[in-house]
Amino acid sequence: MKMLKVITISVMSCLFASSLVFAESSLYKTIDKHNNILAQAIMQGDIELLNDSHTYTDDAYVYAPSAPTVHGKEDIRLFWEGAIKAGAKHVSLEIHDVQQSGDLAYATGTLKFVDTNGHVSDSRYLLVFKQEDKQWKLHLDMWTPSAVAQ
């Protein structure tokens, strides 16, 4: 009987651990999709891509380097319209870490932006997602330039 309890606990632990990996994998894919849509919208100059798929919470914030804090969906849309008008040759985002706790999750990573003049900007980002209506929505979006190696 004791052996049966140990086996049952072991199996349940494995199932729980595999469900966490699946959840994190699913969350990773969601965040990766958000990142890819943002990069496409900027490179293609199409703000409508953000409206269709890249969803922010109603009270979301964007903290961009050397820019005022942007709060709320409408102001965030105006912010991204300006960024899209500035133009980009290439935008790429790489996810380094994704973690979740309850209805909040975060992702860290790097961002590379090449403008139409060929100027390269490397940054680090932190995204905080909030689950609303069974959907992960971007709640805090912030990035900062990477430190220059000396």
Protein backbone atom coordinates (compact mmCIF):
# COMPACT_ATOMS: atom_id res chain seq x y z
CA MET A 1 0.00 0.00 0.00
CA LYS A 2 2.84 2.38 0.86
CA MET A 3 4.47 1.65 -2.51
CA LEU A 4 1.18 2.44 -4.28
CA LYS A 5 1.07 5.86 -2.54
CA VAL A 6 4.65 6.61 -3.62
CA ILE A 7 3.90 5.63 -7.22
CA THR A 8 0.66 7.65 -7.23
CA ILE A 9 2.43 10.73 -5.86
CA SER A 10 5.26 10.31 -8.38
CA VAL A 11 2.85 10.03 -11.31
CA MET A 12 0.82 13.02 -10.11
CA SER A 13 4.01 15.08 -9.71
CA CYS A 14 5.09 14.22 -13.25
CA LEU A 15 1.66 15.14 -14.64
CA PHE A 16 1.68 18.44 -12.74
CA ALA A 17 5.21 19.26 -13.91
CA SER A 18 4.38 18.43 -17.52
CA SER A 19 1.24 20.62 -17.37
CA LEU A 20 3.39 23.52 -16.12
CA VAL A 21 5.83 23.02 -19.00
CA PHE A 22 2.90 22.97 -21.43
CA ALA A 23 1.43 26.14 -19.89
CA GLU A 24 4.76 27.92 -20.08
CA SER A 25 5.29 26.67 -23.64
CA SER A 26 1.84 27.96 -24.61
CA LEU A 27 2.56 31.29 -22.91
CA TYR A 28 5.96 31.46 -24.65
CA LYS A 29 4.23 30.99 -28.02
CA THR A 30 1.71 33.72 -27.19
CA ILE A 31 4.45 36.17 -26.26
CA ASP A 32 6.49 35.22 -29.32
CA LYS A 33 3.40 35.87 -31.47
CA HIS A 34 2.95 39.32 -29.87
CA ASN A 35 6.62 40.11 -30.54
CA ASN A 36 6.45 39.00 -34.17
CA ILE A 37 3.30 41.00 -34.84
CA LEU A 38 4.88 44.12 -33.36
CA ALA A 39 8.01 43.67 -35.50
CA GLN A 40 5.91 43.14 -38.65
CA ALA A 41 3.72 46.17 -37.93
CA ILE A 42 6.77 48.41 -37.57
CA MET A 43 8.65 47.05 -40.59
CA GLN A 44 5.55 47.03 -42.83
CA GLY A 45 4.32 50.39 -41.53
CA ASP A 46 0.91 48.90 -40.76
CA ILE A 47 -0.69 50.01 -37.46
CA GLU A 48 -3.72 47.81 -38.21
CA LEU A 49 -1.63 44.71 -37.48
CA LEU A 50 -1.42 45.90 -33.88
CA ASN A 51 -5.15 46.52 -33.67
CA ASP A 52 -6.07 43.04 -34.83
CA SER A 53 -3.76 40.88 -32.78
CA HIS A 54 -1.45 42.77 -30.45
CA THR A 55 -3.75 43.48 -27.53
CA TYR A 56 -2.96 45.70 -24.58
CA THR A 57 -5.04 45.88 -21.40
CA ASP A 58 -7.25 48.98 -21.17
CA ASP A 59 -4.96 50.46 -18.50
CA ALA A 60 -1.64 49.35 -20.05
CA TYR A 61 1.58 51.38 -19.89
CA VAL A 62 4.48 51.82 -22.30
CA TYR A 63 7.80 52.99 -20.87
CA ALA A 64 10.07 53.84 -23.80
CA PRO A 65 13.57 55.33 -23.42
CA SER A 66 13.68 59.14 -23.47
CA ALA A 67 9.90 59.37 -23.88
CA PRO A 68 7.05 60.28 -21.57
CA THR A 69 5.05 57.46 -20.01
CA VAL A 70 2.23 56.32 -22.29
CA HIS A 71 -0.95 55.10 -20.58
CA GLY A 72 -4.10 53.56 -22.04
CA LYS A 73 -4.92 51.89 -25.36
CA GLU A 74 -5.61 55.06 -27.35
CA ASP A 75 -2.37 56.80 -26.31
CA ILE A 76 -0.44 53.56 -26.93
CA ARG A 77 -1.90 53.40 -30.44
CA LEU A 78 -0.76 57.00 -31.07
CA PHE A 79 2.70 56.14 -29.72
CA TRP A 80 3.06 53.17 -32.09
CA GLU A 81 1.72 55.19 -35.04
CA GLY A 82 4.58 57.64 -34.45
CA ALA A 83 7.12 54.83 -34.16
CA ILE A 84 5.84 53.24 -37.36
CA LYS A 85 6.03 56.57 -39.22
CA ALA A 86 9.69 56.88 -38.13
CA GLY A 87 10.39 53.79 -40.24
CA ALA A 88 12.52 50.73 -39.75
CA LYS A 89 14.50 48.44 -41.98
CA HIS A 90 14.62 45.63 -39.48
CA VAL A 91 13.13 44.82 -36.05
CA SER A 92 13.76 41.61 -34.14
CA LEU A 93 12.92 40.51 -30.62
CA GLU A 94 14.42 37.52 -28.85
CA ILE A 95 12.84 36.05 -25.73
CA HIS A 96 15.26 35.12 -22.94
CA ASP A 97 12.90 34.18 -20.12
CA VAL A 98 9.17 33.69 -19.53
CA GLN A 99 7.63 33.21 -16.09
CA GLN A 100 4.05 33.05 -14.88
CA SER A 101 2.33 33.39 -11.52
CA GLY A 102 -1.45 33.30 -11.51
CA ASP A 103 -2.92 35.84 -13.92
CA LEU A 104 0.39 37.69 -14.41
CA ALA A 105 3.37 36.71 -16.52
CA TYR A 106 6.53 38.39 -17.67
CA ALA A 107 9.02 38.02 -20.45
CA THR A 108 12.53 39.42 -20.75
CA GLY A 109 14.63 39.58 -23.85
CA THR A 110 16.51 41.66 -26.36
CA LEU A 111 15.35 43.95 -29.12
CA LYS A 112 17.29 44.96 -32.22
CA PHE A 113 16.08 47.89 -34.30
CA VAL A 114 17.69 49.08 -37.54
CA ASP A 115 16.32 52.38 -38.83
CA THR A 116 16.08 53.41 -42.50
CA ASN A 117 19.50 55.12 -42.22
CA GLY A 118 21.12 51.88 -41.05
CA HIS A 119 21.56 52.99 -37.42
CA VAL A 120 21.40 49.93 -35.14
CA SER A 121 19.84 50.14 -31.68
CA ASP A 122 20.14 47.22 -29.25
CA SER A 123 17.88 47.16 -26.20
CA ARG A 124 16.68 44.91 -23.41
CA TYR A 125 12.98 44.59 -22.74
CA LEU A 126 10.59 43.60 -19.98
CA LEU A 127 6.97 42.76 -20.83
CA VAL A 128 4.32 42.09 -18.22
CA PHE A 129 1.21 40.28 -19.39
CA LYS A 130 -2.10 40.09 -17.57
CA GLN A 131 -4.70 37.43 -18.23
CA GLU A 132 -8.13 38.91 -18.98
CA ASP A 133 -11.07 36.96 -20.36
CA LYS A 134 -8.80 33.91 -20.78
CA GLN A 135 -6.44 35.94 -23.01
CA TRP A 136 -2.95 37.16 -22.25
CA LYS A 137 -2.82 40.92 -22.84
CA LEU A 138 0.20 43.18 -22.61
CA HIS A 139 -0.03 45.30 -19.47
CA LEU A 140 3.46 46.84 -19.11
CA ASP A 141 5.78 47.30 -22.07
CA MET A 142 9.21 48.71 -21.35
CA TRP A 143 12.67 48.66 -22.85
CA THR A 144 16.02 50.29 -22.30
CA PRO A 145 19.17 50.54 -24.42
CA SER A 146 21.71 47.80 -23.79
CA ALA A 147 24.92 48.81 -22.08
CA VAL A 148 27.81 49.43 -24.45
CA ALA A 149 30.65 46.93 -23.89
CA GLN A 150 33.92 48.62 -22.94
